[in-house]
């Protein structure tokens, strides 16, 4: 049986996400990112194509490394201005039934007690269609504006993330027992306080003494996505991720990464297929290879090289304006996205990328490769990445929005369906059930969140802390 390819649309609540300058194209609606109808239309289009998820990226800083300023990023709208990614999800859920929503939130700048509530709220309102993309943030400008002296070191961010996830799992999985909520109008009991438990977490980074403020949502723990394939990132994903987003430039490199991640997942006591691995890809297509190539050349005529260098400055922490455009890039240790430079300096056929290569080959596509071709060519290549590279699917970025998504649905999805690679209908139930296959939509028993199921049963509850009621023997008021 052929492996089904998981399809996510990759977007961001901004104008220029991965392709710099193409917002100027006549058919682009990217400048409508503030318009709720843009997002609801996108969600309905994705459900038409039976996409698994809309994966929404986010940053809370600006790209100010290039030439020492955010001026270029502002001019080209390169991930600035940018809105909160949570805002449109409820509206998108209201006009769809199945497509999932992966939302990014950085643990570095969000308190776990509050973020747990926001995610539970969305899981309720979407009927269990939410995933959380766990990131630790890489922009120093974000850290400064949050009030920190500088961005936390890369490895410390992952140490913090480990404790953060422990707190979240305790809140989501352990705080409320399954039958805590009664909704009993006759007895007047909505929630049985003896079945709600404070988590009493006291750690290095977080202190959360109380209980989760939301009742259990359909999935309890949203599907956990994680972006980042550095050494610490892979270790974190092996334990926590149910979907992982990687950057790679070749099938060979993808195979090395996916094999290592699955080996680590197995070593952590999970199955090799417990993590769905997605790679970033931009597809430009049409009814033939020639039509797709013509479209690509047209899009390139709108691309902004300096806008792309502004983005790469933030992604790598390197001011590309200071580099010789024809000298090979060198990997270096810093606290930005380490996998960005690793993907370029250890890429396809040991190719050594230069600044000029980035300008020529990544103005469209950004962090990932671009695939240009008609239905047969694109489908062949997607199958090769899956069968030989070991990925489960793709985060599909747009060159022009929403045209890139519509073209993929109209030209590529039918071809993938012919080959038994793309779904033509959805399974019932939550996002986790659709994506991972768990019958009840809850995390698998081997996932670290599962250890907190019933962990507080028989231990201190809210009822145990309650003082005797002075109205215990009082009669109910009688209406005159």
Protein backbone atom coordinates (compact mmCIF):
# COMPACT_ATOMS: atom_id res chain seq x y z
CA UNK A 1 0.00 0.00 0.00
CA UNK A 2 1.37 3.39 -0.97
CA UNK A 3 2.05 5.91 1.76
CA UNK A 4 -0.40 8.80 1.86
CA UNK A 5 1.26 12.20 1.53
CA UNK A 6 0.35 14.69 4.25
CA UNK A 7 -0.40 18.14 2.82
CA UNK A 8 -0.15 21.32 4.90
CA UNK A 9 -0.45 24.85 3.59
CA UNK A 10 2.29 27.00 5.10
CA UNK A 11 1.30 30.58 5.79
CA UNK A 12 1.77 33.45 8.21
CA UNK A 13 -0.38 36.39 9.29
CA UNK A 14 1.76 38.80 7.31
CA UNK A 15 2.39 39.86 3.69
CA UNK A 16 5.75 38.36 2.62
CA UNK A 17 6.32 35.02 4.28
CA UNK A 18 8.84 32.94 2.28
CA UNK A 19 8.92 34.74 -1.08
CA UNK A 20 10.15 38.33 -1.02
CA UNK A 21 8.56 40.90 -3.32
CA UNK A 22 5.90 38.73 -4.95
CA UNK A 23 3.16 40.53 -3.03
CA UNK A 24 3.40 43.07 -5.89
CA UNK A 25 2.17 40.51 -8.45
CA UNK A 26 -1.25 41.52 -9.88
CA UNK A 27 -2.93 38.31 -8.72
CA UNK A 28 -1.49 38.34 -5.20
CA UNK A 29 -3.86 38.92 -2.31
CA UNK A 30 -1.11 38.88 0.29
CA UNK A 31 -1.80 42.49 1.27
CA UNK A 32 -5.24 41.34 2.48
CA UNK A 33 -3.70 39.53 5.45
CA UNK A 34 -5.73 41.85 7.74
CA UNK A 35 -9.00 40.80 6.12
CA UNK A 36 -10.83 37.99 7.91
CA UNK A 37 -12.47 36.92 4.66
CA UNK A 38 -9.02 36.22 3.19
CA UNK A 39 -8.47 33.61 5.91
CA UNK A 40 -11.94 32.05 5.79
CA UNK A 41 -11.67 31.72 2.01
CA UNK A 42 -8.26 30.11 2.44
CA UNK A 43 -9.63 27.57 4.90
CA UNK A 44 -12.52 26.64 2.60
CA UNK A 45 -10.12 26.26 -0.33
CA UNK A 46 -7.86 23.95 1.68
CA UNK A 47 -10.82 21.81 2.69
CA UNK A 48 -11.81 21.60 -0.98
CA UNK A 49 -8.40 20.05 -1.61
CA UNK A 50 -8.61 17.80 1.48
CA UNK A 51 -5.47 19.37 2.94
CA UNK A 52 -4.60 18.12 6.39
CA UNK A 53 -3.73 21.42 7.99
CA UNK A 54 -3.06 25.13 7.67
CA UNK A 55 0.32 25.55 9.37
CA UNK A 56 0.61 29.16 10.59
CA UNK A 57 4.11 30.41 11.34
CA UNK A 58 4.85 33.38 13.59
CA UNK A 59 7.54 35.70 14.92
CA UNK A 60 7.29 38.40 17.57
CA UNK A 61 10.41 40.25 16.48
CA UNK A 62 11.59 41.95 13.31
CA UNK A 63 14.27 41.21 10.72
CA UNK A 64 16.79 43.94 11.55
CA UNK A 65 20.14 42.20 10.96
CA UNK A 66 20.52 43.10 7.28
CA UNK A 67 22.39 46.40 7.04
CA UNK A 68 21.77 46.84 10.76
CA UNK A 69 18.17 47.94 10.35
CA UNK A 70 14.57 46.77 9.86
CA UNK A 71 14.12 49.32 7.05
CA UNK A 72 14.37 46.77 4.21
CA UNK A 73 12.03 44.34 5.96
CA UNK A 74 9.47 47.11 6.41
CA UNK A 75 9.77 48.28 2.81
CA UNK A 76 9.12 44.81 1.40
CA UNK A 77 6.75 43.71 4.22
CA UNK A 78 9.06 40.79 5.03
CA UNK A 79 7.20 39.23 7.98
CA UNK A 80 6.41 42.73 9.24
CA UNK A 81 3.77 43.95 9.85
CA UNK A 82 2.60 40.69 11.38
CA UNK A 83 -0.55 39.86 13.34
CA UNK A 84 -1.18 37.37 16.13
CA UNK A 85 -1.70 33.93 14.53
CA UNK A 86 -4.51 32.91 16.91
CA UNK A 87 -6.98 35.57 15.80
CA UNK A 88 -8.51 34.08 12.65
CA UNK A 89 -8.65 30.41 13.65
CA UNK A 90 -12.12 30.42 15.21
CA UNK A 91 -13.55 32.08 12.10
CA UNK A 92 -11.81 29.56 9.81
CA UNK A 93 -13.13 26.70 11.92
CA UNK A 94 -16.67 28.08 11.64
CA UNK A 95 -16.68 27.77 7.82
CA UNK A 96 -15.01 24.33 7.66
CA UNK A 97 -15.48 20.91 9.23
CA UNK A 98 -12.23 18.99 8.88
CA UNK A 99 -9.09 20.93 8.04
CA UNK A 100 -6.73 21.38 11.00
CA UNK A 101 -4.96 24.51 12.23
CA UNK A 102 -1.36 24.44 13.40
CA UNK A 103 -0.60 27.62 15.33
CA UNK A 104 2.86 28.80 16.37
CA UNK A 105 3.57 30.13 19.87
CA UNK A 106 7.04 30.65 21.36
CA UNK A 107 7.64 29.21 24.82
CA UNK A 108 10.30 31.88 25.45
CA UNK A 109 7.71 34.65 25.67
CA UNK A 110 4.49 32.91 26.77
CA UNK A 111 3.65 31.81 30.32
CA UNK A 112 2.50 28.17 30.22
CA UNK A 113 -0.57 28.75 32.44
CA UNK A 114 -1.95 31.34 30.01
CA UNK A 115 -0.96 29.60 26.78
CA UNK A 116 -2.53 26.35 27.97
CA UNK A 117 -5.85 28.21 28.27
CA UNK A 118 -5.58 29.82 24.82
CA UNK A 119 -4.88 26.49 23.15
CA UNK A 120 -7.59 24.64 25.08
CA UNK A 121 -10.05 27.36 24.10
CA UNK A 122 -9.22 26.91 20.42
CA UNK A 123 -9.41 23.14 20.74
CA UNK A 124 -12.92 23.50 22.15
CA UNK A 125 -14.07 25.99 19.53
CA UNK A 126 -12.64 23.97 16.62
CA UNK A 127 -13.92 20.64 17.99
CA UNK A 128 -10.43 19.24 18.32
CA UNK A 129 -8.70 20.52 15.19
CA UNK A 130 -5.77 22.40 16.73
CA UNK A 131 -2.04 21.72 16.70
CA UNK A 132 0.56 23.76 18.56
CA UNK A 133 3.85 24.44 16.78
CA UNK A 134 6.32 24.64 19.67
CA UNK A 135 9.15 27.09 19.00
CA UNK A 136 11.60 28.95 21.20
CA UNK A 137 12.03 32.08 19.03
CA UNK A 138 15.25 33.05 17.27
CA UNK A 139 15.06 36.83 16.80
CA UNK A 140 17.08 38.91 19.22
CA UNK A 141 14.80 41.89 18.49
CA UNK A 142 11.93 39.94 20.04
CA UNK A 143 13.87 39.23 23.23
CA UNK A 144 14.79 42.91 23.62
CA UNK A 145 11.19 44.06 23.23
CA UNK A 146 9.97 41.50 25.75
CA UNK A 147 12.35 43.10 28.26
CA UNK A 148 15.30 40.69 28.12
CA UNK A 149 18.88 41.83 27.71
CA UNK A 150 19.38 39.44 24.79
CA UNK A 151 18.05 36.26 23.26
CA UNK A 152 18.55 33.20 25.43
CA UNK A 153 21.25 30.80 24.29
CA UNK A 154 20.07 28.13 21.85
CA UNK A 155 20.65 25.19 24.21
CA UNK A 156 19.11 26.93 27.22
CA UNK A 157 15.95 27.56 25.20
CA UNK A 158 15.54 23.81 24.76
CA UNK A 159 16.24 23.17 28.46
CA UNK A 160 13.47 25.65 29.24
CA UNK A 161 11.23 23.97 26.66
CA UNK A 162 11.53 20.60 28.42
CA UNK A 163 10.15 22.01 31.65
CA UNK A 164 7.56 24.06 29.78
CA UNK A 165 6.11 20.94 28.17
CA UNK A 166 6.00 19.19 31.54
CA UNK A 167 3.85 22.02 32.92
CA UNK A 168 1.56 21.98 29.87
CA UNK A 169 1.06 18.22 30.02
CA UNK A 170 0.25 18.37 33.73
CA UNK A 171 -2.36 21.06 33.09
CA UNK A 172 -3.92 19.42 30.04
CA UNK A 173 -3.78 15.75 30.97
CA UNK A 174 -3.70 15.54 34.75
CA UNK A 175 -5.46 18.50 36.29
CA UNK A 176 -9.06 17.51 35.46
CA UNK A 177 -10.33 13.96 35.70
CA UNK A 178 -12.40 12.72 32.77
CA UNK A 179 -15.68 12.83 34.69
CA UNK A 180 -15.05 16.06 36.60
CA UNK A 181 -17.59 18.06 34.59
CA UNK A 182 -21.16 17.05 35.47
CA UNK A 183 -23.39 19.75 33.93
CA UNK A 184 -26.09 18.53 36.29
CA UNK A 185 -28.86 21.14 36.47
CA UNK A 186 -30.91 19.12 38.97
CA UNK A 187 -28.17 18.92 41.60
CA UNK A 188 -26.71 22.29 40.74
CA UNK A 189 -23.25 20.79 40.19
CA UNK A 190 -21.45 21.84 37.07
CA UNK A 191 -17.97 20.63 38.11
CA UNK A 192 -17.08 18.22 40.91
CA UNK A 193 -14.20 19.92 42.71
CA UNK A 194 -12.97 16.61 44.14
CA UNK A 195 -11.97 15.66 40.60
CA UNK A 196 -10.02 18.85 39.82
CA UNK A 197 -6.43 18.91 41.04
CA UNK A 198 -3.75 21.58 41.47
CA UNK A 199 -0.54 20.52 39.76
CA UNK A 200 1.80 22.08 42.36
CA UNK A 201 4.61 22.49 39.85
CA UNK A 202 7.83 23.95 41.28
CA UNK A 203 10.68 23.97 38.76
CA UNK A 204 13.78 25.86 37.68
CA UNK A 205 11.92 28.15 35.28
CA UNK A 206 8.21 27.88 36.21
CA UNK A 207 6.02 27.79 39.28
CA UNK A 208 2.41 26.79 38.67
CA UNK A 209 0.67 25.76 41.90
CA UNK A 210 -2.94 25.70 40.67
CA UNK A 211 -5.14 23.74 38.30
CA UNK A 212 -5.91 24.26 34.62
CA UNK A 213 -8.56 26.94 34.24
CA UNK A 214 -10.25 25.19 31.26
CA UNK A 215 -12.22 21.98 31.32
CA UNK A 216 -10.72 19.21 29.16
CA UNK A 217 -10.96 19.92 25.43
CA UNK A 218 -11.62 17.25 22.77
CA UNK A 219 -7.93 16.41 22.35
CA UNK A 220 -6.86 17.64 25.82
CA UNK A 221 -3.31 18.09 24.54
CA UNK A 222 -3.39 19.64 21.05
CA UNK A 223 -1.34 17.88 18.38
CA UNK A 224 2.27 18.84 19.03
CA UNK A 225 4.22 20.21 16.07
CA UNK A 226 7.84 21.24 16.34
CA UNK A 227 10.10 23.16 13.98
CA UNK A 228 13.85 22.78 14.22
CA UNK A 229 16.22 19.95 13.38
CA UNK A 230 19.36 20.92 15.29
CA UNK A 231 20.76 18.33 17.70
CA UNK A 232 18.70 19.62 20.60
CA UNK A 233 15.73 20.14 18.31
CA UNK A 234 15.75 16.52 17.18
CA UNK A 235 16.03 15.26 20.75
CA UNK A 236 13.09 17.44 21.77
CA UNK A 237 11.04 16.25 18.79
CA UNK A 238 11.84 12.60 19.45
CA UNK A 239 10.16 12.92 22.83
CA UNK A 240 7.37 15.41 22.18
CA UNK A 241 6.57 16.01 18.51
CA UNK A 242 3.73 14.37 16.62
CA UNK A 243 4.54 16.46 13.57
CA UNK A 244 7.99 17.85 12.79
CA UNK A 245 8.94 20.53 10.30
CA UNK A 246 12.42 20.22 8.74
CA UNK A 247 14.52 22.23 6.31
CA UNK A 248 16.47 20.32 3.69
CA UNK A 249 17.81 20.87 0.19
CA UNK A 250 18.20 17.30 -1.05
CA UNK A 251 16.60 13.89 -0.83
CA UNK A 252 19.85 12.48 0.56
CA UNK A 253 19.96 15.08 3.31
CA UNK A 254 16.29 14.44 4.09
CA UNK A 255 16.93 10.72 4.48
CA UNK A 256 19.73 11.36 6.97
CA UNK A 257 17.55 13.70 9.03
CA UNK A 258 14.39 11.58 9.00
CA UNK A 259 16.28 8.39 9.85
CA UNK A 260 17.99 10.06 12.80
CA UNK A 261 14.71 11.51 14.12
CA UNK A 262 12.94 8.14 13.89
CA UNK A 263 15.89 6.38 15.55
CA UNK A 264 15.72 8.83 18.43
CA UNK A 265 11.94 8.46 18.71
CA UNK A 266 12.37 4.69 18.95
CA UNK A 267 15.08 5.13 21.59
CA UNK A 268 12.64 7.30 23.55
CA UNK A 269 10.16 4.43 23.62
CA UNK A 270 7.95 5.64 20.79
CA UNK A 271 7.27 3.97 17.45
CA UNK A 272 9.20 5.05 14.34
CA UNK A 273 6.03 6.32 12.70
CA UNK A 274 4.73 8.24 15.72
CA UNK A 275 6.10 11.48 14.22
CA UNK A 276 4.90 12.85 10.88
CA UNK A 277 7.80 14.71 9.27
CA UNK A 278 7.09 17.59 6.88
CA UNK A 279 9.58 19.45 4.72
CA UNK A 280 9.23 22.99 3.43
CA UNK A 281 8.59 23.21 -0.30
CA UNK A 282 7.25 25.78 -2.73
CA UNK A 283 5.48 24.35 -5.78
CA UNK A 284 4.84 26.38 -8.91
CA UNK A 285 2.69 24.47 -11.34
CA UNK A 286 0.33 24.64 -14.31
CA UNK A 287 -1.17 22.30 -16.85
CA UNK A 288 2.28 21.53 -18.32
CA UNK A 289 5.97 21.89 -17.50
CA UNK A 290 6.20 24.77 -19.96
CA UNK A 291 3.27 26.64 -18.40
CA UNK A 292 4.75 26.18 -14.94
CA UNK A 293 8.16 27.45 -16.04
CA UNK A 294 6.60 30.52 -17.64
CA UNK A 295 4.73 31.22 -14.41
CA UNK A 296 7.95 30.84 -12.40
CA UNK A 297 9.79 33.31 -14.59
CA UNK A 298 6.91 35.75 -14.25
CA UNK A 299 6.98 35.47 -10.46
CA UNK A 300 10.76 35.95 -10.45
CA UNK A 301 10.32 39.27 -12.23
CA UNK A 302 8.56 40.53 -9.07
CA UNK A 303 11.02 39.02 -6.58
CA UNK A 304 13.03 41.31 -4.30
CA UNK A 305 16.64 40.15 -3.69
CA UNK A 306 17.26 42.57 -0.84
CA UNK A 307 14.01 41.55 0.79
CA UNK A 308 15.19 37.96 0.77
CA UNK A 309 18.53 38.96 2.29
CA UNK A 310 16.62 40.77 5.04
CA UNK A 311 14.80 37.53 5.80
CA UNK A 312 17.98 35.47 5.69
CA UNK A 313 19.64 37.94 8.04
CA UNK A 314 17.02 37.18 10.65
CA UNK A 315 17.02 33.44 9.99
CA UNK A 316 20.80 33.11 10.25
CA UNK A 317 21.84 36.04 12.45
CA UNK A 318 24.30 37.09 9.71
CA UNK A 319 24.33 40.43 7.89
CA UNK A 320 24.64 39.28 4.28
CA UNK A 321 25.47 42.84 3.21
CA UNK A 322 28.89 42.38 4.84
CA UNK A 323 29.74 39.17 2.97
CA UNK A 324 31.49 38.69 -0.35
CA UNK A 325 28.59 37.66 -2.62
CA UNK A 326 30.70 34.97 -4.30
CA UNK A 327 32.37 33.41 -1.23
CA UNK A 328 30.91 30.14 0.09
CA UNK A 329 28.80 30.51 3.21
CA UNK A 330 30.22 29.01 6.39
CA UNK A 331 28.21 27.43 9.19
CA UNK A 332 28.70 29.12 12.54
CA UNK A 333 27.43 28.85 16.10
CA UNK A 334 24.89 31.47 17.13
CA UNK A 335 21.45 31.62 18.68
CA UNK A 336 19.42 32.02 15.48
CA UNK A 337 18.00 29.21 13.32
CA UNK A 338 20.98 26.87 13.18
CA UNK A 339 19.32 24.56 10.69
CA UNK A 340 19.08 27.36 8.12
CA UNK A 341 22.82 27.60 7.55
CA UNK A 342 23.25 23.86 8.07
CA UNK A 343 20.84 23.18 5.21
CA UNK A 344 22.87 25.46 2.93
CA UNK A 345 26.36 24.45 4.01
CA UNK A 346 25.63 20.70 4.08
CA UNK A 347 23.20 20.56 1.19
CA UNK A 348 22.78 18.76 -2.06
CA UNK A 349 25.95 17.19 -3.49
CA UNK A 350 28.00 19.12 -0.90
CA UNK A 351 27.18 22.31 -2.78
CA UNK A 352 28.65 25.42 -1.21
CA UNK A 353 26.08 28.18 -1.31
CA UNK A 354 27.06 31.80 -1.78
CA UNK A 355 25.10 35.00 -1.16
CA UNK A 356 24.56 35.23 -4.90
CA UNK A 357 23.09 31.69 -4.88
CA UNK A 358 20.65 32.67 -2.16
CA UNK A 359 19.56 35.69 -4.20
CA UNK A 360 19.17 33.66 -7.38
CA UNK A 361 17.57 30.50 -5.98
CA UNK A 362 15.71 31.54 -2.82
CA UNK A 363 13.97 34.84 -3.62
CA UNK A 364 11.04 32.54 -4.17
CA UNK A 365 10.87 29.69 -1.69
CA UNK A 366 12.80 31.30 1.15
CA UNK A 367 14.07 28.61 3.47
CA UNK A 368 13.11 25.71 1.21
CA UNK A 369 13.56 24.48 -2.35
CA UNK A 370 11.26 25.37 -5.24
CA UNK A 371 9.70 22.72 -7.47
CA UNK A 372 8.53 23.91 -10.89
CA UNK A 373 6.58 21.67 -13.26
CA UNK A 374 3.32 20.21 -14.48
CA UNK A 375 1.31 17.54 -12.64
CA UNK A 376 3.42 14.53 -13.70
CA UNK A 377 6.76 16.11 -12.90
CA UNK A 378 5.68 17.51 -9.55
CA UNK A 379 3.96 14.32 -8.43
CA UNK A 380 7.03 12.26 -9.39
CA UNK A 381 9.26 14.50 -7.30
CA UNK A 382 6.92 14.54 -4.29
CA UNK A 383 6.85 10.75 -4.34
CA UNK A 384 10.65 10.66 -4.50
CA UNK A 385 10.97 12.87 -1.41
CA UNK A 386 8.56 10.60 0.45
CA UNK A 387 9.84 7.22 -0.73
CA UNK A 388 13.56 7.98 -0.78
CA UNK A 389 13.82 10.92 1.61
CA UNK A 390 11.61 9.46 4.33
CA UNK A 391 9.36 12.49 4.79
CA UNK A 392 5.64 12.06 5.38
CA UNK A 393 4.51 15.22 3.67
CA UNK A 394 5.06 18.87 2.95
CA UNK A 395 4.52 22.35 4.32
CA UNK A 396 3.67 24.06 1.04
CA UNK A 397 4.66 27.72 0.98
CA UNK A 398 3.17 30.15 -1.51
CA UNK A 399 4.89 32.14 -4.21
CA UNK A 400 1.69 34.09 -4.82
CA UNK A 401 -1.31 33.75 -2.53
CA UNK A 402 -3.86 32.26 -2.85
CA UNK A 403 -2.89 31.25 -6.38
CA UNK A 404 -0.17 28.81 -5.33
CA UNK A 405 -2.63 26.83 -3.19
CA UNK A 406 -5.34 26.86 -5.82
CA UNK A 407 -2.91 25.71 -8.53
CA UNK A 408 -1.72 22.85 -6.33
CA UNK A 409 -5.30 21.75 -5.63
CA UNK A 410 -6.35 22.01 -9.27
CA UNK A 411 -3.29 20.43 -10.91
CA UNK A 412 -1.36 18.32 -8.38
CA UNK A 413 -3.96 16.90 -5.99
CA UNK A 414 -5.87 15.06 -8.78
CA UNK A 415 -2.63 13.47 -9.98
CA UNK A 416 -1.68 12.43 -6.44
CA UNK A 417 -5.13 10.91 -5.98
CA UNK A 418 -4.72 8.87 -9.16
CA UNK A 419 -1.54 7.47 -7.64
CA UNK A 420 -3.17 6.72 -4.30
CA UNK A 421 -1.11 9.35 -2.55
CA UNK A 422 -3.65 12.02 -1.55
CA UNK A 423 -6.92 11.67 0.33
CA UNK A 424 -10.19 12.55 -1.40
CA UNK A 425 -12.18 12.65 1.85
CA UNK A 426 -11.50 13.07 5.54
CA UNK A 427 -11.67 10.60 8.40
CA UNK A 428 -14.10 11.65 11.14
CA UNK A 429 -12.89 13.05 14.43
CA UNK A 430 -10.12 15.24 15.73
CA UNK A 431 -6.97 16.39 13.96
CA UNK A 432 -4.92 13.85 15.90
CA UNK A 433 -7.21 11.03 14.84
CA UNK A 434 -7.00 12.13 11.21
CA UNK A 435 -3.23 12.65 11.26
CA UNK A 436 -1.88 10.08 13.71
CA UNK A 437 -4.71 7.55 13.77
CA UNK A 438 -5.47 7.35 17.51
CA UNK A 439 -9.03 6.12 18.02
CA UNK A 440 -10.02 8.51 20.81
CA UNK A 441 -8.07 11.54 19.58
CA UNK A 442 -5.85 11.55 22.67
CA UNK A 443 -2.04 11.33 22.71
CA UNK A 444 -0.59 7.86 22.24
CA UNK A 445 0.28 5.92 25.39
CA UNK A 446 4.00 6.23 24.57
CA UNK A 447 3.86 10.03 24.36
CA UNK A 448 5.27 11.82 27.46
CA UNK A 449 1.95 13.64 28.00
CA UNK A 450 0.25 10.30 28.65
CA UNK A 451 2.13 9.78 31.92
CA UNK A 452 0.04 12.55 33.49
CA UNK A 453 -3.32 10.89 32.78
CA UNK A 454 -4.89 10.17 36.17
CA UNK A 455 -1.60 11.21 37.79
CA UNK A 456 -3.41 13.24 40.43
CA UNK A 457 -6.32 10.88 41.11
CA UNK A 458 -6.47 10.27 44.86
CA UNK A 459 -4.23 13.25 45.52
CA UNK A 460 -5.07 16.75 46.68
CA UNK A 461 -8.09 18.26 44.96
CA UNK A 462 -9.83 21.62 45.01
CA UNK A 463 -12.46 20.10 47.32
CA UNK A 464 -9.76 19.21 49.86
CA UNK A 465 -8.83 22.88 50.17
CA UNK A 466 -12.42 24.04 50.67
CA UNK A 467 -13.56 25.38 54.04
CA UNK A 468 -16.96 24.27 55.41
CA UNK A 469 -19.82 26.26 53.92
CA UNK A 470 -21.70 28.55 56.31
CA UNK A 471 -24.83 27.85 54.24
CA UNK A 472 -24.63 24.06 54.45
CA UNK A 473 -27.93 23.79 56.35
CA UNK A 474 -29.64 26.88 54.92
CA UNK A 475 -32.88 26.50 53.03
CA UNK A 476 -33.22 27.72 49.46
CA UNK A 477 -34.99 31.08 49.13
CA UNK A 478 -38.70 30.94 48.40
CA UNK A 479 -40.18 33.26 45.81
CA UNK A 480 -43.05 35.34 47.13
